[in-house]
């Protein structure tokens, strides 16, 4: 078994519609999320939602980890609700923000093969 540290989600704007940002490789043994942060660079507070979706599932209430977490203007925040999560092969992270081009986010972790 090999563990490879890597950027899971390159820092990018979070869209204002639910979008899959990362999928744990189906041919691997899983993924650990070690770091997950967001930065609100807009003039007002923005909320963010994050789902950890089981393989074959969708971003629905049963898979939500963060619902409407308010990120203050000019603030950077670690999303500790997701940090430390183990994702099985095929599981994914989806996210959305209350306003487009207002907040960015990224994650790093370890893929296991």
N, C-alpha and C. Protein backbone atom coordinates (compact mmCIF):
# COMPACT_ATOMS: atom_id res chain seq x y z
N UNK A 1 0.85 -1.17 0.00
CA UNK A 1 0.00 0.00 0.00
C UNK A 1 0.90 1.24 0.00
N UNK A 2 0.57 2.21 -0.87
CA UNK A 2 1.33 3.45 -1.00
C UNK A 2 0.42 4.63 -0.69
N UNK A 3 0.95 5.57 0.06
CA UNK A 3 0.22 6.80 0.35
C UNK A 3 0.91 7.95 -0.35
N UNK A 4 0.17 8.71 -1.15
CA UNK A 4 0.75 9.81 -1.92
C UNK A 4 0.11 11.13 -1.50
N UNK A 5 0.90 12.03 -0.86
CA UNK A 5 0.36 13.35 -0.55
C UNK A 5 0.11 14.12 -1.83
N UNK A 6 -1.00 14.85 -1.89
CA UNK A 6 -1.27 15.62 -3.09
C UNK A 6 -2.32 16.69 -2.85
N UNK A 7 -2.38 17.62 -3.77
CA UNK A 7 -3.45 18.61 -3.78
C UNK A 7 -4.69 17.90 -4.30
N UNK A 8 -5.72 17.87 -3.49
CA UNK A 8 -6.98 17.24 -3.90
C UNK A 8 -7.83 18.22 -4.71
N UNK A 9 -7.88 19.45 -4.23
CA UNK A 9 -8.62 20.51 -4.93
C UNK A 9 -7.69 21.71 -5.01
N UNK A 10 -7.24 22.05 -6.22
CA UNK A 10 -6.42 23.25 -6.39
C UNK A 10 -7.26 24.47 -6.02
N UNK A 11 -6.62 25.44 -5.37
CA UNK A 11 -7.33 26.65 -4.95
C UNK A 11 -8.08 27.24 -6.14
N UNK A 12 -9.40 27.42 -5.99
CA UNK A 12 -10.25 27.89 -7.08
C UNK A 12 -11.50 28.53 -6.53
N UNK A 13 -12.16 29.34 -7.35
CA UNK A 13 -13.43 29.94 -6.94
C UNK A 13 -14.47 28.85 -6.75
N UNK A 14 -15.26 29.01 -5.71
CA UNK A 14 -16.36 28.09 -5.45
C UNK A 14 -17.59 28.62 -6.17
N UNK A 15 -18.20 27.83 -7.05
CA UNK A 15 -19.36 28.31 -7.80
C UNK A 15 -20.60 28.44 -6.91
N UNK A 16 -21.61 29.15 -7.40
CA UNK A 16 -22.84 29.29 -6.63
C UNK A 16 -23.88 28.23 -7.01
N UNK A 17 -23.41 27.14 -7.59
CA UNK A 17 -24.26 25.97 -7.82
C UNK A 17 -23.47 24.75 -7.37
N UNK A 18 -24.16 23.73 -6.94
CA UNK A 18 -23.50 22.53 -6.43
C UNK A 18 -22.65 21.89 -7.51
N UNK A 19 -21.35 21.73 -7.21
CA UNK A 19 -20.38 21.23 -8.18
C UNK A 19 -19.46 20.23 -7.51
N UNK A 20 -19.14 19.14 -8.20
CA UNK A 20 -18.17 18.17 -7.68
C UNK A 20 -16.78 18.75 -7.85
N UNK A 21 -16.03 18.83 -6.75
CA UNK A 21 -14.69 19.42 -6.77
C UNK A 21 -13.59 18.36 -6.76
N UNK A 22 -13.88 17.17 -6.22
CA UNK A 22 -12.87 16.11 -6.13
C UNK A 22 -13.57 14.76 -6.03
N UNK A 23 -12.97 13.75 -6.65
CA UNK A 23 -13.45 12.37 -6.53
C UNK A 23 -12.27 11.48 -6.19
N UNK A 24 -12.41 10.69 -5.13
CA UNK A 24 -11.37 9.74 -4.74
C UNK A 24 -11.25 8.69 -5.85
N UNK A 25 -10.02 8.41 -6.32
CA UNK A 25 -9.85 7.48 -7.45
C UNK A 25 -10.53 6.13 -7.21
N UNK A 26 -11.31 5.71 -8.18
CA UNK A 26 -12.05 4.44 -8.08
C UNK A 26 -11.11 3.24 -8.02
N UNK A 27 -9.91 3.36 -8.61
CA UNK A 27 -8.96 2.24 -8.61
C UNK A 27 -8.00 2.29 -7.42
N UNK A 28 -8.23 3.21 -6.48
CA UNK A 28 -7.37 3.32 -5.30
C UNK A 28 -7.98 2.61 -4.11
N UNK A 29 -7.42 2.90 -2.94
CA UNK A 29 -7.89 2.31 -1.69
C UNK A 29 -8.53 3.36 -0.78
N UNK A 30 -8.61 4.62 -1.27
CA UNK A 30 -9.26 5.67 -0.50
C UNK A 30 -8.40 6.92 -0.41
N UNK A 31 -8.95 7.94 0.23
CA UNK A 31 -8.28 9.23 0.36
C UNK A 31 -8.54 9.81 1.75
N UNK A 32 -7.50 10.37 2.35
CA UNK A 32 -7.63 11.13 3.59
C UNK A 32 -7.59 12.62 3.24
N UNK A 33 -8.49 13.40 3.83
CA UNK A 33 -8.48 14.86 3.67
C UNK A 33 -7.72 15.45 4.85
N UNK A 34 -6.58 16.08 4.57
CA UNK A 34 -5.73 16.62 5.64
C UNK A 34 -5.90 18.12 5.85
N UNK A 35 -6.28 18.83 4.81
CA UNK A 35 -6.42 20.28 4.89
C UNK A 35 -7.53 20.70 3.95
N UNK A 36 -8.37 21.63 4.39
CA UNK A 36 -9.46 22.14 3.55
C UNK A 36 -9.75 23.55 4.03
N UNK A 37 -9.54 24.53 3.18
CA UNK A 37 -9.77 25.91 3.61
C UNK A 37 -10.48 26.72 2.54
N UNK A 38 -11.08 27.81 2.99
CA UNK A 38 -11.74 28.75 2.09
C UNK A 38 -11.31 30.17 2.46
N UNK A 39 -11.36 31.05 1.48
CA UNK A 39 -11.00 32.46 1.68
C UNK A 39 -12.05 33.32 0.99
N UNK A 40 -12.71 34.17 1.77
CA UNK A 40 -13.70 35.09 1.23
C UNK A 40 -12.99 36.41 0.90
N UNK A 41 -12.85 36.71 -0.37
CA UNK A 41 -12.17 37.93 -0.78
C UNK A 41 -13.14 39.04 -1.17
N UNK A 42 -14.43 38.84 -0.88
CA UNK A 42 -15.43 39.83 -1.24
C UNK A 42 -15.67 40.82 -0.09
N UNK A 43 -16.51 41.80 -0.34
CA UNK A 43 -16.79 42.85 0.65
C UNK A 43 -17.86 42.45 1.67
N UNK A 44 -18.53 41.33 1.46
CA UNK A 44 -19.58 40.90 2.38
C UNK A 44 -19.44 39.44 2.75
N UNK A 45 -20.17 39.03 3.77
CA UNK A 45 -20.15 37.63 4.19
C UNK A 45 -20.74 36.74 3.08
N UNK A 46 -20.19 35.55 2.95
CA UNK A 46 -20.66 34.56 1.98
C UNK A 46 -20.82 33.24 2.72
N UNK A 47 -21.84 32.46 2.37
CA UNK A 47 -21.99 31.15 2.99
C UNK A 47 -21.50 30.06 2.04
N UNK A 48 -21.09 28.96 2.63
CA UNK A 48 -20.57 27.84 1.86
C UNK A 48 -21.24 26.56 2.34
N UNK A 49 -21.42 25.63 1.40
CA UNK A 49 -21.93 24.28 1.70
C UNK A 49 -20.93 23.27 1.15
N UNK A 50 -20.74 22.17 1.90
CA UNK A 50 -19.83 21.11 1.46
C UNK A 50 -20.48 19.76 1.75
N UNK A 51 -20.43 18.89 0.75
CA UNK A 51 -20.93 17.52 0.88
C UNK A 51 -19.78 16.56 0.69
N UNK A 52 -19.77 15.45 1.43
CA UNK A 52 -18.89 14.31 1.15
C UNK A 52 -19.84 13.20 0.72
N UNK A 53 -19.83 12.94 -0.58
CA UNK A 53 -20.85 12.11 -1.22
C UNK A 53 -20.33 10.69 -1.41
N UNK A 54 -21.08 9.69 -0.93
CA UNK A 54 -20.68 8.30 -1.16
C UNK A 54 -20.68 7.97 -2.66
N UNK A 55 -19.82 7.04 -3.04
CA UNK A 55 -19.73 6.60 -4.43
C UNK A 55 -21.11 6.25 -4.97
N UNK A 56 -21.43 6.81 -6.14
CA UNK A 56 -22.71 6.55 -6.78
C UNK A 56 -23.85 7.39 -6.25
N UNK A 57 -23.58 8.22 -5.22
CA UNK A 57 -24.62 9.04 -4.63
C UNK A 57 -24.63 10.45 -5.22
N UNK A 58 -25.36 11.33 -4.56
CA UNK A 58 -25.42 12.71 -5.00
C UNK A 58 -25.41 13.63 -3.79
N UNK A 59 -25.19 14.91 -4.04
CA UNK A 59 -25.11 15.92 -2.97
C UNK A 59 -26.52 16.19 -2.45
N UNK A 60 -26.89 15.46 -1.41
CA UNK A 60 -28.21 15.59 -0.80
C UNK A 60 -28.04 15.77 0.71
N UNK A 61 -29.14 16.02 1.40
CA UNK A 61 -29.09 16.28 2.84
C UNK A 61 -28.33 15.22 3.63
N UNK A 62 -28.46 13.96 3.24
CA UNK A 62 -27.82 12.88 4.02
C UNK A 62 -26.30 12.87 3.89
N UNK A 63 -25.75 13.59 2.90
CA UNK A 63 -24.29 13.60 2.74
C UNK A 63 -23.67 14.97 3.02
N UNK A 64 -24.48 15.92 3.52
CA UNK A 64 -23.94 17.26 3.76
C UNK A 64 -23.09 17.29 5.03
N UNK A 65 -21.95 17.95 4.96
CA UNK A 65 -21.07 18.12 6.13
C UNK A 65 -21.12 19.54 6.66
N UNK A 66 -21.26 20.51 5.75
CA UNK A 66 -21.31 21.91 6.15
C UNK A 66 -22.50 22.55 5.44
N UNK A 67 -23.38 23.16 6.22
CA UNK A 67 -24.54 23.81 5.61
C UNK A 67 -24.56 25.29 5.97
N UNK A 68 -24.44 26.11 4.95
CA UNK A 68 -24.52 27.57 5.09
C UNK A 68 -23.61 28.13 6.18
N UNK A 69 -22.36 27.70 6.17
CA UNK A 69 -21.37 28.26 7.09
C UNK A 69 -20.99 29.64 6.58
N UNK A 70 -21.17 30.65 7.42
CA UNK A 70 -20.90 32.03 7.03
C UNK A 70 -19.41 32.33 7.16
N UNK A 71 -18.83 32.83 6.07
CA UNK A 71 -17.42 33.22 6.05
C UNK A 71 -17.40 34.74 5.94
N UNK A 72 -16.87 35.40 6.94
CA UNK A 72 -16.85 36.86 6.97
C UNK A 72 -16.00 37.43 5.84
N UNK A 73 -16.28 38.66 5.50
CA UNK A 73 -15.51 39.37 4.48
C UNK A 73 -14.03 39.36 4.83
N UNK A 74 -13.20 39.05 3.86
CA UNK A 74 -11.74 39.06 3.98
C UNK A 74 -11.21 38.03 4.99
N UNK A 75 -11.97 36.97 5.23
CA UNK A 75 -11.57 35.94 6.19
C UNK A 75 -11.13 34.67 5.49
N UNK A 76 -10.16 34.00 6.09
CA UNK A 76 -9.74 32.66 5.67
C UNK A 76 -10.09 31.70 6.80
N UNK A 77 -10.69 30.56 6.45
CA UNK A 77 -11.19 29.63 7.45
C UNK A 77 -10.85 28.20 7.06
N UNK A 78 -10.39 27.42 8.04
CA UNK A 78 -10.21 25.98 7.85
C UNK A 78 -11.56 25.31 8.06
N UNK A 79 -11.91 24.41 7.14
CA UNK A 79 -13.19 23.69 7.26
C UNK A 79 -12.94 22.39 8.02
N UNK A 80 -12.84 22.52 9.34
CA UNK A 80 -12.50 21.39 10.19
C UNK A 80 -13.54 20.28 10.16
N UNK A 81 -14.76 20.59 9.71
CA UNK A 81 -15.80 19.57 9.62
C UNK A 81 -15.46 18.50 8.57
N UNK A 82 -14.56 18.84 7.66
CA UNK A 82 -14.17 17.91 6.59
C UNK A 82 -12.75 17.36 6.82
N UNK A 83 -11.89 18.16 7.45
CA UNK A 83 -10.51 17.74 7.71
C UNK A 83 -10.52 16.47 8.56
N UNK A 84 -9.73 15.49 8.16
CA UNK A 84 -9.66 14.22 8.87
C UNK A 84 -10.61 13.17 8.31
N UNK A 85 -11.41 13.56 7.33
CA UNK A 85 -12.34 12.60 6.73
C UNK A 85 -11.60 11.58 5.89
N UNK A 86 -12.08 10.34 5.93
CA UNK A 86 -11.59 9.31 5.03
C UNK A 86 -12.66 9.10 3.97
N UNK A 87 -12.22 9.10 2.71
CA UNK A 87 -13.14 8.89 1.59
C UNK A 87 -12.83 7.55 0.94
N UNK A 88 -13.84 6.73 0.76
CA UNK A 88 -13.66 5.47 0.06
C UNK A 88 -13.48 5.73 -1.43
N UNK A 89 -12.97 4.75 -2.18
CA UNK A 89 -12.85 4.91 -3.63
C UNK A 89 -14.20 5.30 -4.25
N UNK A 90 -14.19 6.31 -5.11
CA UNK A 90 -15.41 6.77 -5.77
C UNK A 90 -16.20 7.82 -5.00
N UNK A 91 -15.91 8.00 -3.70
CA UNK A 91 -16.56 9.07 -2.94
C UNK A 91 -16.10 10.41 -3.48
N UNK A 92 -16.90 11.45 -3.31
CA UNK A 92 -16.53 12.76 -3.85
C UNK A 92 -16.86 13.89 -2.87
N UNK A 93 -16.24 15.03 -3.13
CA UNK A 93 -16.54 16.27 -2.40
C UNK A 93 -17.23 17.20 -3.38
N UNK A 94 -18.40 17.70 -2.98
CA UNK A 94 -19.11 18.72 -3.75
C UNK A 94 -19.22 19.96 -2.88
N UNK A 95 -19.34 21.11 -3.53
CA UNK A 95 -19.44 22.37 -2.78
C UNK A 95 -20.24 23.39 -3.54
N UNK A 96 -20.66 24.43 -2.82
CA UNK A 96 -21.32 25.58 -3.44
C UNK A 96 -21.20 26.76 -2.48
N UNK A 97 -21.30 27.96 -3.04
CA UNK A 97 -21.26 29.19 -2.26
C UNK A 97 -22.51 29.99 -2.55
N UNK A 98 -22.84 30.91 -1.66
CA UNK A 98 -24.04 31.73 -1.86
C UNK A 98 -23.84 32.81 -2.91
N UNK A 99 -22.60 33.08 -3.28
CA UNK A 99 -22.31 34.07 -4.32
C UNK A 99 -21.11 33.61 -5.13
N UNK A 100 -21.24 33.67 -6.44
CA UNK A 100 -20.14 33.28 -7.33
C UNK A 100 -19.04 34.34 -7.30
N UNK A 101 -17.83 33.93 -7.59
CA UNK A 101 -16.64 34.80 -7.64
C UNK A 101 -16.50 35.68 -6.41
N UNK A 102 -16.74 35.09 -5.24
CA UNK A 102 -16.61 35.80 -3.97
C UNK A 102 -15.73 35.06 -2.98
N UNK A 103 -15.61 33.75 -3.17
CA UNK A 103 -14.90 32.91 -2.21
C UNK A 103 -14.16 31.82 -2.96
N UNK A 104 -12.96 31.50 -2.50
CA UNK A 104 -12.24 30.39 -3.12
C UNK A 104 -11.91 29.36 -2.07
N UNK A 105 -11.53 28.18 -2.53
CA UNK A 105 -11.23 27.12 -1.59
C UNK A 105 -10.28 26.11 -2.20
N UNK A 106 -9.73 25.28 -1.35
CA UNK A 106 -8.82 24.23 -1.81
C UNK A 106 -8.64 23.20 -0.71
N UNK A 107 -8.10 22.05 -1.12
CA UNK A 107 -7.90 20.96 -0.15
C UNK A 107 -6.66 20.15 -0.55
N UNK A 108 -6.04 19.57 0.45
CA UNK A 108 -4.94 18.64 0.20
C UNK A 108 -5.14 17.42 1.08
N UNK A 109 -4.46 16.35 0.73
CA UNK A 109 -4.61 15.13 1.50
C UNK A 109 -3.70 14.04 0.99
N UNK A 110 -4.11 12.79 1.20
CA UNK A 110 -3.31 11.63 0.82
C UNK A 110 -4.18 10.61 0.12
N UNK A 111 -3.78 10.23 -1.09
CA UNK A 111 -4.46 9.16 -1.80
C UNK A 111 -3.72 7.85 -1.51
N UNK A 112 -4.47 6.80 -1.26
CA UNK A 112 -3.91 5.50 -0.93
C UNK A 112 -4.11 4.56 -2.11
N UNK A 113 -3.01 3.94 -2.55
CA UNK A 113 -3.08 2.99 -3.67
C UNK A 113 -2.50 1.65 -3.26
